[in-house]
Amino acid sequence: SAQGTEPVIVAGYRDQNLFLADDLAKY
């Protein structure tokens, strides 16, 4: 992101405890 490239980030979890999802959404 710092270099101007916005990736698609797919995160796989066991359940609804979506740790780091909000942090990832910044980039």
mmCIF file of all heavy atoms, coordinates in Angstrom:
data_MODEL
# 
_entry.id   MODEL 
# 
loop_
_atom_site.group_PDB 
_atom_site.id 
_atom_site.type_symbol 
_atom_site.label_atom_id 
_atom_site.label_alt_id 
_atom_site.label_comp_id 
_atom_site.label_asym_id 
_atom_site.label_entity_id 
_atom_site.label_seq_id 
_atom_site.pdbx_PDB_ins_code 
_atom_site.Cartn_x 
_atom_site.Cartn_y 
_atom_site.Cartn_z 
_atom_site.occupancy 
_atom_site.B_iso_or_equiv 
_atom_site.pdbx_formal_charge 
_atom_site.auth_seq_id 
_atom_site.auth_comp_id 
_atom_site.auth_asym_id 
_atom_site.auth_atom_id 
_atom_site.pdbx_PDB_model_num 
ATOM 1   N N   . SER A 1 1  ? 0.818   -1.209  0.000  1.00 0.00 ? 1  SER A N   1 
ATOM 2   C CA  . SER A 1 1  ? 0.000   0.000   0.000  1.00 0.00 ? 1  SER A CA  1 
ATOM 3   C C   . SER A 1 1  ? 0.852   1.260   0.000  1.00 0.00 ? 1  SER A C   1 
ATOM 4   O O   . SER A 1 1  ? 0.522   2.255   -0.661 1.00 0.00 ? 1  SER A O   1 
ATOM 5   C CB  . SER A 1 1  ? -0.921  -0.005  1.219  1.00 0.00 ? 1  SER A CB  1 
ATOM 6   O OG  . SER A 1 1  ? -1.685  1.171   1.292  1.00 0.00 ? 1  SER A OG  1 
ATOM 7   N N   . ALA A 1 2  ? 1.964   1.226   0.726  1.00 0.00 ? 2  ALA A N   1 
ATOM 8   C CA  . ALA A 1 2  ? 2.852   2.392   0.797  1.00 0.00 ? 2  ALA A CA  1 
ATOM 9   C C   . ALA A 1 2  ? 3.437   2.746   -0.564 1.00 0.00 ? 2  ALA A C   1 
ATOM 10  O O   . ALA A 1 2  ? 3.823   3.893   -0.805 1.00 0.00 ? 2  ALA A O   1 
ATOM 11  C CB  . ALA A 1 2  ? 3.979   2.124   1.793  1.00 0.00 ? 2  ALA A CB  1 
ATOM 12  N N   . GLN A 1 3  ? 3.478   1.747   -1.458 1.00 0.00 ? 3  GLN A N   1 
ATOM 13  C CA  . GLN A 1 3  ? 4.002   1.977   -2.797 1.00 0.00 ? 3  GLN A CA  1 
ATOM 14  C C   . GLN A 1 3  ? 2.889   2.159   -3.833 1.00 0.00 ? 3  GLN A C   1 
ATOM 15  O O   . GLN A 1 3  ? 3.137   2.096   -5.033 1.00 0.00 ? 3  GLN A O   1 
ATOM 16  C CB  . GLN A 1 3  ? 4.892   0.799   -3.205 1.00 0.00 ? 3  GLN A CB  1 
ATOM 17  C CG  . GLN A 1 3  ? 6.111   0.613   -2.315 1.00 0.00 ? 3  GLN A CG  1 
ATOM 18  C CD  . GLN A 1 3  ? 7.029   1.812   -2.322 1.00 0.00 ? 3  GLN A CD  1 
ATOM 19  O OE1 . GLN A 1 3  ? 7.289   2.402   -3.376 1.00 0.00 ? 3  GLN A OE1 1 
ATOM 20  N NE2 . GLN A 1 3  ? 7.532   2.197   -1.155 1.00 0.00 ? 3  GLN A NE2 1 
ATOM 21  N N   . GLY A 1 4  ? 1.672   2.332   -3.346 1.00 0.00 ? 4  GLY A N   1 
ATOM 22  C CA  . GLY A 1 4  ? 0.569   2.637   -4.248 1.00 0.00 ? 4  GLY A CA  1 
ATOM 23  C C   . GLY A 1 4  ? -0.160  1.441   -4.822 1.00 0.00 ? 4  GLY A C   1 
ATOM 24  O O   . GLY A 1 4  ? -0.942  1.586   -5.761 1.00 0.00 ? 4  GLY A O   1 
ATOM 25  N N   . THR A 1 5  ? 0.071   0.254   -4.289 1.00 0.00 ? 5  THR A N   1 
ATOM 26  C CA  . THR A 1 5  ? -0.600  -0.951  -4.763 1.00 0.00 ? 5  THR A CA  1 
ATOM 27  C C   . THR A 1 5  ? -1.565  -1.446  -3.694 1.00 0.00 ? 5  THR A C   1 
ATOM 28  O O   . THR A 1 5  ? -1.150  -1.774  -2.585 1.00 0.00 ? 5  THR A O   1 
ATOM 29  C CB  . THR A 1 5  ? 0.426   -2.056  -5.087 1.00 0.00 ? 5  THR A CB  1 
ATOM 30  O OG1 . THR A 1 5  ? 1.276   -1.603  -6.143 1.00 0.00 ? 5  THR A OG1 1 
ATOM 31  C CG2 . THR A 1 5  ? -0.270  -3.336  -5.521 1.00 0.00 ? 5  THR A CG2 1 
ATOM 32  N N   . GLU A 1 6  ? -2.841  -1.505  -4.025 1.00 0.00 ? 6  GLU A N   1 
ATOM 33  C CA  . GLU A 1 6  ? -3.841  -1.948  -3.058 1.00 0.00 ? 6  GLU A CA  1 
ATOM 34  C C   . GLU A 1 6  ? -4.210  -3.400  -3.338 1.00 0.00 ? 6  GLU A C   1 
ATOM 35  O O   . GLU A 1 6  ? -4.882  -3.696  -4.334 1.00 0.00 ? 6  GLU A O   1 
ATOM 36  C CB  . GLU A 1 6  ? -5.086  -1.072  -3.135 1.00 0.00 ? 6  GLU A CB  1 
ATOM 37  C CG  . GLU A 1 6  ? -6.146  -1.453  -2.106 1.00 0.00 ? 6  GLU A CG  1 
ATOM 38  C CD  . GLU A 1 6  ? -7.336  -0.509  -2.126 1.00 0.00 ? 6  GLU A CD  1 
ATOM 39  O OE1 . GLU A 1 6  ? -7.132  0.707   -2.261 1.00 0.00 ? 6  GLU A OE1 1 
ATOM 40  O OE2 . GLU A 1 6  ? -8.467  -1.007  -2.004 1.00 0.00 ? 6  GLU A OE2 1 
ATOM 41  N N   . PRO A 1 7  ? -3.799  -4.319  -2.487 1.00 0.00 ? 7  PRO A N   1 
ATOM 42  C CA  . PRO A 1 7  ? -4.092  -5.727  -2.735 1.00 0.00 ? 7  PRO A CA  1 
ATOM 43  C C   . PRO A 1 7  ? -5.489  -6.127  -2.276 1.00 0.00 ? 7  PRO A C   1 
ATOM 44  O O   . PRO A 1 7  ? -6.132  -5.421  -1.500 1.00 0.00 ? 7  PRO A O   1 
ATOM 45  C CB  . PRO A 1 7  ? -3.032  -6.440  -1.892 1.00 0.00 ? 7  PRO A CB  1 
ATOM 46  C CG  . PRO A 1 7  ? -2.841  -5.517  -0.717 1.00 0.00 ? 7  PRO A CG  1 
ATOM 47  C CD  . PRO A 1 7  ? -2.993  -4.128  -1.271 1.00 0.00 ? 7  PRO A CD  1 
ATOM 48  N N   . VAL A 1 8  ? -5.931  -7.265  -2.770 1.00 0.00 ? 8  VAL A N   1 
ATOM 49  C CA  . VAL A 1 8  ? -7.100  -7.930  -2.205 1.00 0.00 ? 8  VAL A CA  1 
ATOM 50  C C   . VAL A 1 8  ? -6.571  -8.884  -1.133 1.00 0.00 ? 8  VAL A C   1 
ATOM 51  O O   . VAL A 1 8  ? -5.671  -9.685  -1.393 1.00 0.00 ? 8  VAL A O   1 
ATOM 52  C CB  . VAL A 1 8  ? -7.882  -8.721  -3.270 1.00 0.00 ? 8  VAL A CB  1 
ATOM 53  C CG1 . VAL A 1 8  ? -8.981  -9.563  -2.613 1.00 0.00 ? 8  VAL A CG1 1 
ATOM 54  C CG2 . VAL A 1 8  ? -8.491  -7.777  -4.288 1.00 0.00 ? 8  VAL A CG2 1 
ATOM 55  N N   . ILE A 1 9  ? -7.107  -8.797  0.070  1.00 0.00 ? 9  ILE A N   1 
ATOM 56  C CA  . ILE A 1 9  ? -6.638  -9.602  1.196  1.00 0.00 ? 9  ILE A CA  1 
ATOM 57  C C   . ILE A 1 9  ? -7.758  -10.548 1.612  1.00 0.00 ? 9  ILE A C   1 
ATOM 58  O O   . ILE A 1 9  ? -8.833  -10.092 2.021  1.00 0.00 ? 9  ILE A O   1 
ATOM 59  C CB  . ILE A 1 9  ? -6.235  -8.714  2.389  1.00 0.00 ? 9  ILE A CB  1 
ATOM 60  C CG1 . ILE A 1 9  ? -5.277  -7.602  1.935  1.00 0.00 ? 9  ILE A CG1 1 
ATOM 61  C CG2 . ILE A 1 9  ? -5.614  -9.549  3.495  1.00 0.00 ? 9  ILE A CG2 1 
ATOM 62  C CD1 . ILE A 1 9  ? -5.205  -6.426  2.894  1.00 0.00 ? 9  ILE A CD1 1 
ATOM 63  N N   . VAL A 1 10 ? -7.502  -11.831 1.494  1.00 0.00 ? 10 VAL A N   1 
ATOM 64  C CA  . VAL A 1 10 ? -8.497  -12.825 1.891  1.00 0.00 ? 10 VAL A CA  1 
ATOM 65  C C   . VAL A 1 10 ? -7.989  -13.535 3.136  1.00 0.00 ? 10 VAL A C   1 
ATOM 66  O O   . VAL A 1 10 ? -6.915  -14.146 3.119  1.00 0.00 ? 10 VAL A O   1 
ATOM 67  C CB  . VAL A 1 10 ? -8.767  -13.844 0.778  1.00 0.00 ? 10 VAL A CB  1 
ATOM 68  C CG1 . VAL A 1 10 ? -9.901  -14.782 1.192  1.00 0.00 ? 10 VAL A CG1 1 
ATOM 69  C CG2 . VAL A 1 10 ? -9.123  -13.133 -0.527 1.00 0.00 ? 10 VAL A CG2 1 
ATOM 70  N N   . ALA A 1 11 ? -8.752  -13.433 4.217  1.00 0.00 ? 11 ALA A N   1 
ATOM 71  C CA  . ALA A 1 11 ? -8.346  -14.004 5.494  1.00 0.00 ? 11 ALA A CA  1 
ATOM 72  C C   . ALA A 1 11 ? -9.301  -15.120 5.899  1.00 0.00 ? 11 ALA A C   1 
ATOM 73  O O   . ALA A 1 11 ? -10.524 -14.935 5.874  1.00 0.00 ? 11 ALA A O   1 
ATOM 74  C CB  . ALA A 1 11 ? -8.325  -12.913 6.575  1.00 0.00 ? 11 ALA A CB  1 
ATOM 75  N N   . GLY A 1 12 ? -8.732  -16.267 6.249  1.00 0.00 ? 12 GLY A N   1 
ATOM 76  C CA  . GLY A 1 12 ? -9.535  -17.408 6.629  1.00 0.00 ? 12 GLY A CA  1 
ATOM 77  C C   . GLY A 1 12 ? -9.464  -17.679 8.124  1.00 0.00 ? 12 GLY A C   1 
ATOM 78  O O   . GLY A 1 12 ? -8.371  -17.798 8.691  1.00 0.00 ? 12 GLY A O   1 
ATOM 79  N N   . TYR A 1 13 ? -10.622 -17.768 8.770  1.00 0.00 ? 13 TYR A N   1 
ATOM 80  C CA  . TYR A 1 13 ? -10.718 -17.944 10.219 1.00 0.00 ? 13 TYR A CA  1 
ATOM 81  C C   . TYR A 1 13 ? -11.499 -19.204 10.562 1.00 0.00 ? 13 TYR A C   1 
ATOM 82  O O   . TYR A 1 13 ? -12.235 -19.747 9.733  1.00 0.00 ? 13 TYR A O   1 
ATOM 83  C CB  . TYR A 1 13 ? -11.434 -16.743 10.846 1.00 0.00 ? 13 TYR A CB  1 
ATOM 84  C CG  . TYR A 1 13 ? -10.772 -15.414 10.623 1.00 0.00 ? 13 TYR A CG  1 
ATOM 85  C CD1 . TYR A 1 13 ? -11.073 -14.633 9.497  1.00 0.00 ? 13 TYR A CD1 1 
ATOM 86  C CD2 . TYR A 1 13 ? -9.857  -14.906 11.540 1.00 0.00 ? 13 TYR A CD2 1 
ATOM 87  C CE1 . TYR A 1 13 ? -10.479 -13.395 9.304  1.00 0.00 ? 13 TYR A CE1 1 
ATOM 88  C CE2 . TYR A 1 13 ? -9.261  -13.668 11.354 1.00 0.00 ? 13 TYR A CE2 1 
ATOM 89  C CZ  . TYR A 1 13 ? -9.573  -12.925 10.234 1.00 0.00 ? 13 TYR A CZ  1 
ATOM 90  O OH  . TYR A 1 13 ? -8.984  -11.697 10.040 1.00 0.00 ? 13 TYR A OH  1 
ATOM 91  N N   . ARG A 1 14 ? -11.393 -19.630 11.810 1.00 0.00 ? 14 ARG A N   1 
ATOM 92  C CA  . ARG A 1 14 ? -12.195 -20.747 12.297 1.00 0.00 ? 14 ARG A CA  1 
ATOM 93  C C   . ARG A 1 14 ? -13.646 -20.318 12.521 1.00 0.00 ? 14 ARG A C   1 
ATOM 94  O O   . ARG A 1 14 ? -14.577 -21.046 12.222 1.00 0.00 ? 14 ARG A O   1 
ATOM 95  C CB  . ARG A 1 14 ? -11.633 -21.270 13.627 1.00 0.00 ? 14 ARG A CB  1 
ATOM 96  C CG  . ARG A 1 14 ? -10.281 -21.946 13.508 1.00 0.00 ? 14 ARG A CG  1 
ATOM 97  C CD  . ARG A 1 14 ? -9.778  -22.342 14.897 1.00 0.00 ? 14 ARG A CD  1 
ATOM 98  N NE  . ARG A 1 14 ? -8.488  -23.028 14.827 1.00 0.00 ? 14 ARG A NE  1 
ATOM 99  C CZ  . ARG A 1 14 ? -7.763  -23.386 15.877 1.00 0.00 ? 14 ARG A CZ  1 
ATOM 100 N NH1 . ARG A 1 14 ? -8.208  -23.109 17.095 1.00 0.00 ? 14 ARG A NH1 1 
ATOM 101 N NH2 . ARG A 1 14 ? -6.612  -24.018 15.732 1.00 0.00 ? 14 ARG A NH2 1 
ATOM 102 N N   . ASP A 1 15 ? -13.802 -19.089 13.088 1.00 0.00 ? 15 ASP A N   1 
ATOM 103 C CA  . ASP A 1 15 ? -15.138 -18.622 13.469 1.00 0.00 ? 15 ASP A CA  1 
ATOM 104 C C   . ASP A 1 15 ? -15.188 -17.106 13.351 1.00 0.00 ? 15 ASP A C   1 
ATOM 105 O O   . ASP A 1 15 ? -14.370 -16.507 12.645 1.00 0.00 ? 15 ASP A O   1 
ATOM 106 C CB  . ASP A 1 15 ? -15.481 -19.079 14.895 1.00 0.00 ? 15 ASP A CB  1 
ATOM 107 C CG  . ASP A 1 15 ? -14.386 -18.740 15.908 1.00 0.00 ? 15 ASP A CG  1 
ATOM 108 O OD1 . ASP A 1 15 ? -13.765 -17.662 15.771 1.00 0.00 ? 15 ASP A OD1 1 
ATOM 109 O OD2 . ASP A 1 15 ? -14.144 -19.552 16.821 1.00 0.00 ? 15 ASP A OD2 1 
ATOM 110 N N   . GLN A 1 16 ? -16.141 -16.475 14.049 1.00 0.00 ? 16 GLN A N   1 
ATOM 111 C CA  . GLN A 1 16 ? -16.368 -15.040 13.903 1.00 0.00 ? 16 GLN A CA  1 
ATOM 112 C C   . GLN A 1 16 ? -15.341 -14.171 14.612 1.00 0.00 ? 16 GLN A C   1 
ATOM 113 O O   . GLN A 1 16 ? -15.453 -12.943 14.581 1.00 0.00 ? 16 GLN A O   1 
ATOM 114 C CB  . GLN A 1 16 ? -17.783 -14.674 14.391 1.00 0.00 ? 16 GLN A CB  1 
ATOM 115 C CG  . GLN A 1 16 ? -17.965 -14.657 15.897 1.00 0.00 ? 16 GLN A CG  1 
ATOM 116 C CD  . GLN A 1 16 ? -18.259 -16.017 16.480 1.00 0.00 ? 16 GLN A CD  1 
ATOM 117 O OE1 . GLN A 1 16 ? -18.128 -17.033 15.813 1.00 0.00 ? 16 GLN A OE1 1 
ATOM 118 N NE2 . GLN A 1 16 ? -18.679 -16.033 17.737 1.00 0.00 ? 16 GLN A NE2 1 
ATOM 119 N N   . ASN A 1 17 ? -14.332 -14.750 15.254 1.00 0.00 ? 17 ASN A N   1 
ATOM 120 C CA  . ASN A 1 17 ? -13.263 -13.955 15.871 1.00 0.00 ? 17 ASN A CA  1 
ATOM 121 C C   . ASN A 1 17 ? -12.287 -13.497 14.789 1.00 0.00 ? 17 ASN A C   1 
ATOM 122 O O   . ASN A 1 17 ? -11.251 -14.120 14.552 1.00 0.00 ? 17 ASN A O   1 
ATOM 123 C CB  . ASN A 1 17 ? -12.538 -14.779 16.936 1.00 0.00 ? 17 ASN A CB  1 
ATOM 124 C CG  . ASN A 1 17 ? -13.401 -15.025 18.156 1.00 0.00 ? 17 ASN A CG  1 
ATOM 125 O OD1 . ASN A 1 17 ? -13.753 -14.094 18.876 1.00 0.00 ? 17 ASN A OD1 1 
ATOM 126 N ND2 . ASN A 1 17 ? -13.777 -16.286 18.379 1.00 0.00 ? 17 ASN A ND2 1 
ATOM 127 N N   . LEU A 1 18 ? -12.628 -12.405 14.125 1.00 0.00 ? 18 LEU A N   1 
ATOM 128 C CA  . LEU A 1 18 ? -11.886 -11.929 12.955 1.00 0.00 ? 18 LEU A CA  1 
ATOM 129 C C   . LEU A 1 18 ? -10.724 -11.019 13.378 1.00 0.00 ? 18 LEU A C   1 
ATOM 130 O O   . LEU A 1 18 ? -10.696 -9.821  13.076 1.00 0.00 ? 18 LEU A O   1 
ATOM 131 C CB  . LEU A 1 18 ? -12.822 -11.191 12.003 1.00 0.00 ? 18 LEU A CB  1 
ATOM 132 C CG  . LEU A 1 18 ? -14.103 -11.939 11.586 1.00 0.00 ? 18 LEU A CG  1 
ATOM 133 C CD1 . LEU A 1 18 ? -14.901 -11.101 10.605 1.00 0.00 ? 18 LEU A CD1 1 
ATOM 134 C CD2 . LEU A 1 18 ? -13.776 -13.307 10.995 1.00 0.00 ? 18 LEU A CD2 1 
ATOM 135 N N   . PHE A 1 19 ? -9.757  -11.586 14.069 1.00 0.00 ? 19 PHE A N   1 
ATOM 136 C CA  . PHE A 1 19 ? -8.631  -10.791 14.543 1.00 0.00 ? 19 PHE A CA  1 
ATOM 137 C C   . PHE A 1 19 ? -7.849  -10.196 13.371 1.00 0.00 ? 19 PHE A C   1 
ATOM 138 O O   . PHE A 1 19 ? -7.662  -10.830 12.347 1.00 0.00 ? 19 PHE A O   1 
ATOM 139 C CB  . PHE A 1 19 ? -7.718  -11.613 15.453 1.00 0.00 ? 19 PHE A CB  1 
ATOM 140 C CG  . PHE A 1 19 ? -7.122  -12.833 14.818 1.00 0.00 ? 19 PHE A CG  1 
ATOM 141 C CD1 . PHE A 1 19 ? -5.893  -12.778 14.171 1.00 0.00 ? 19 PHE A CD1 1 
ATOM 142 C CD2 . PHE A 1 19 ? -7.783  -14.063 14.866 1.00 0.00 ? 19 PHE A CD2 1 
ATOM 143 C CE1 . PHE A 1 19 ? -5.333  -13.903 13.583 1.00 0.00 ? 19 PHE A CE1 1 
ATOM 144 C CE2 . PHE A 1 19 ? -7.234  -15.190 14.289 1.00 0.00 ? 19 PHE A CE2 1 
ATOM 145 C CZ  . PHE A 1 19 ? -6.001  -15.108 13.642 1.00 0.00 ? 19 PHE A CZ  1 
ATOM 146 N N   . LEU A 1 20 ? -7.458  -8.946  13.533 1.00 0.00 ? 20 LEU A N   1 
ATOM 147 C CA  . LEU A 1 20 ? -6.673  -8.163  12.566 1.00 0.00 ? 20 LEU A CA  1 
ATOM 148 C C   . LEU A 1 20 ? -7.446  -7.724  11.321 1.00 0.00 ? 20 LEU A C   1 
ATOM 149 O O   . LEU A 1 20 ? -6.883  -7.035  10.468 1.00 0.00 ? 20 LEU A O   1 
ATOM 150 C CB  . LEU A 1 20 ? -5.400  -8.917  12.125 1.00 0.00 ? 20 LEU A CB  1 
ATOM 151 C CG  . LEU A 1 20 ? -4.367  -9.183  13.216 1.00 0.00 ? 20 LEU A CG  1 
ATOM 152 C CD1 . LEU A 1 20 ? -3.191  -9.967  12.639 1.00 0.00 ? 20 LEU A CD1 1 
ATOM 153 C CD2 . LEU A 1 20 ? -3.871  -7.893  13.852 1.00 0.00 ? 20 LEU A CD2 1 
ATOM 154 N N   . ALA A 1 21 ? -8.715  -8.078  11.192 1.00 0.00 ? 21 ALA A N   1 
ATOM 155 C CA  . ALA A 1 21 ? -9.462  -7.707  9.987  1.00 0.00 ? 21 ALA A CA  1 
ATOM 156 C C   . ALA A 1 21 ? -9.523  -6.189  9.809  1.00 0.00 ? 21 ALA A C   1 
ATOM 157 O O   . ALA A 1 21 ? -9.362  -5.677  8.695  1.00 0.00 ? 21 ALA A O   1 
ATOM 158 C CB  . ALA A 1 21 ? -10.865 -8.302  10.021 1.00 0.00 ? 21 ALA A CB  1 
ATOM 159 N N   . ASP A 1 22 ? -9.760  -5.464  10.896 1.00 0.00 ? 22 ASP A N   1 
ATOM 160 C CA  . ASP A 1 22 ? -9.826  -4.002  10.802 1.00 0.00 ? 22 ASP A CA  1 
ATOM 161 C C   . ASP A 1 22 ? -8.460  -3.408  10.449 1.00 0.00 ? 22 ASP A C   1 
ATOM 162 O O   . ASP A 1 22 ? -8.383  -2.427  9.697  1.00 0.00 ? 22 ASP A O   1 
ATOM 163 C CB  . ASP A 1 22 ? -10.329 -3.405  12.119 1.00 0.00 ? 22 ASP A CB  1 
ATOM 164 C CG  . ASP A 1 22 ? -11.796 -3.709  12.378 1.00 0.00 ? 22 ASP A CG  1 
ATOM 165 O OD1 . ASP A 1 22 ? -12.511 -4.056  11.415 1.00 0.00 ? 22 ASP A OD1 1 
ATOM 166 O OD2 . ASP A 1 22 ? -12.230 -3.608  13.544 1.00 0.00 ? 22 ASP A OD2 1 
ATOM 167 N N   . ASP A 1 23 ? -7.396  -3.970  10.977 1.00 0.00 ? 23 ASP A N   1 
ATOM 168 C CA  . ASP A 1 23 ? -6.048  -3.490  10.656 1.00 0.00 ? 23 ASP A CA  1 
ATOM 169 C C   . ASP A 1 23 ? -5.743  -3.716  9.178  1.00 0.00 ? 23 ASP A C   1 
ATOM 170 O O   . ASP A 1 23 ? -5.186  -2.849  8.501  1.00 0.00 ? 23 ASP A O   1 
ATOM 171 C CB  . ASP A 1 23 ? -5.011  -4.218  11.512 1.00 0.00 ? 23 ASP A CB  1 
ATOM 172 C CG  . ASP A 1 23 ? -5.154  -3.930  12.988 1.00 0.00 ? 23 ASP A CG  1 
ATOM 173 O OD1 . ASP A 1 23 ? -6.104  -4.449  13.609 1.00 0.00 ? 23 ASP A OD1 1 
ATOM 174 O OD2 . ASP A 1 23 ? -4.326  -3.194  13.525 1.00 0.00 ? 23 ASP A OD2 1 
ATOM 175 N N   . LEU A 1 24 ? -6.089  -4.886  8.679  1.00 0.00 ? 24 LEU A N   1 
ATOM 176 C CA  . LEU A 1 24 ? -5.849  -5.213  7.277  1.00 0.00 ? 24 LEU A CA  1 
ATOM 177 C C   . LEU A 1 24 ? -6.610  -4.280  6.341  1.00 0.00 ? 24 LEU A C   1 
ATOM 178 O O   . LEU A 1 24 ? -6.118  -3.908  5.271  1.00 0.00 ? 24 LEU A O   1 
ATOM 179 C CB  . LEU A 1 24 ? -6.246  -6.664  7.000  1.00 0.00 ? 24 LEU A CB  1 
ATOM 180 C CG  . LEU A 1 24 ? -5.366  -7.744  7.628  1.00 0.00 ? 24 LEU A CG  1 
ATOM 181 C CD1 . LEU A 1 24 ? -6.062  -9.094  7.574  1.00 0.00 ? 24 LEU A CD1 1 
ATOM 182 C CD2 . LEU A 1 24 ? -4.012  -7.826  6.926  1.00 0.00 ? 24 LEU A CD2 1 
ATOM 183 N N   . ALA A 1 25 ? -7.805  -3.875  6.750  1.00 0.00 ? 25 ALA A N   1 
ATOM 184 C CA  . ALA A 1 25 ? -8.658  -3.030  5.910  1.00 0.00 ? 25 ALA A CA  1 
ATOM 185 C C   . ALA A 1 25 ? -8.063  -1.647  5.657  1.00 0.00 ? 25 ALA A C   1 
ATOM 186 O O   . ALA A 1 25 ? -8.506  -0.941  4.751  1.00 0.00 ? 25 ALA A O   1 
ATOM 187 C CB  . ALA A 1 25 ? -10.043 -2.904  6.538  1.00 0.00 ? 25 ALA A CB  1 
ATOM 188 N N   . LYS A 1 26 ? -7.062  -1.263  6.438  1.00 0.00 ? 26 LYS A N   1 
ATOM 189 C CA  . LYS A 1 26 ? -6.396  0.022   6.207  1.00 0.00 ? 26 LYS A CA  1 
ATOM 190 C C   . LYS A 1 26 ? -5.562  0.000   4.932  1.00 0.00 ? 26 LYS A C   1 
ATOM 191 O O   . LYS A 1 26 ? -5.220  1.054   4.388  1.00 0.00 ? 26 LYS A O   1 
ATOM 192 C CB  . LYS A 1 26 ? -5.488  0.362   7.390  1.00 0.00 ? 26 LYS A CB  1 
ATOM 193 C CG  . LYS A 1 26 ? -6.188  0.515   8.725  1.00 0.00 ? 26 LYS A CG  1 
ATOM 194 C CD  . LYS A 1 26 ? -5.174  0.695   9.846  1.00 0.00 ? 26 LYS A CD  1 
ATOM 195 C CE  . LYS A 1 26 ? -5.831  0.723   11.217 1.00 0.00 ? 26 LYS A CE  1 
ATOM 196 N NZ  . LYS A 1 26 ? -4.818  0.829   12.312 1.00 0.00 ? 26 LYS A NZ  1 
ATOM 197 N N   . TYR A 1 27 ? -5.216  -1.188  4.457  1.00 0.00 ? 27 TYR A N   1 
ATOM 198 C CA  . TYR A 1 27 ? -4.237  -1.292  3.378  1.00 0.00 ? 27 TYR A CA  1 
ATOM 199 C C   . TYR A 1 27 ? -4.736  -2.052  2.146  1.00 0.00 ? 27 TYR A C   1 
ATOM 200 O O   . TYR A 1 27 ? -3.983  -2.225  1.193  1.00 0.00 ? 27 TYR A O   1 
ATOM 201 C CB  . TYR A 1 27 ? -2.973  -1.978  3.903  1.00 0.00 ? 27 TYR A CB  1 
ATOM 202 C CG  . TYR A 1 27 ? -2.425  -1.318  5.139  1.00 0.00 ? 27 TYR A CG  1 
ATOM 203 C CD1 . TYR A 1 27 ? -2.472  -1.936  6.379  1.00 0.00 ? 27 TYR A CD1 1 
ATOM 204 C CD2 . TYR A 1 27 ? -1.875  -0.035  5.071  1.00 0.00 ? 27 TYR A CD2 1 
ATOM 205 C CE1 . TYR A 1 27 ? -1.983  -1.321  7.517  1.00 0.00 ? 27 TYR A CE1 1 
ATOM 206 C CE2 . TYR A 1 27 ? -1.386  0.599   6.202  1.00 0.00 ? 27 TYR A CE2 1 
ATOM 207 C CZ  . TYR A 1 27 ? -1.440  -0.046  7.430  1.00 0.00 ? 27 TYR A CZ  1 
ATOM 208 O OH  . TYR A 1 27 ? -0.963  0.579   8.559  1.00 0.00 ? 27 TYR A OH  1 
# 
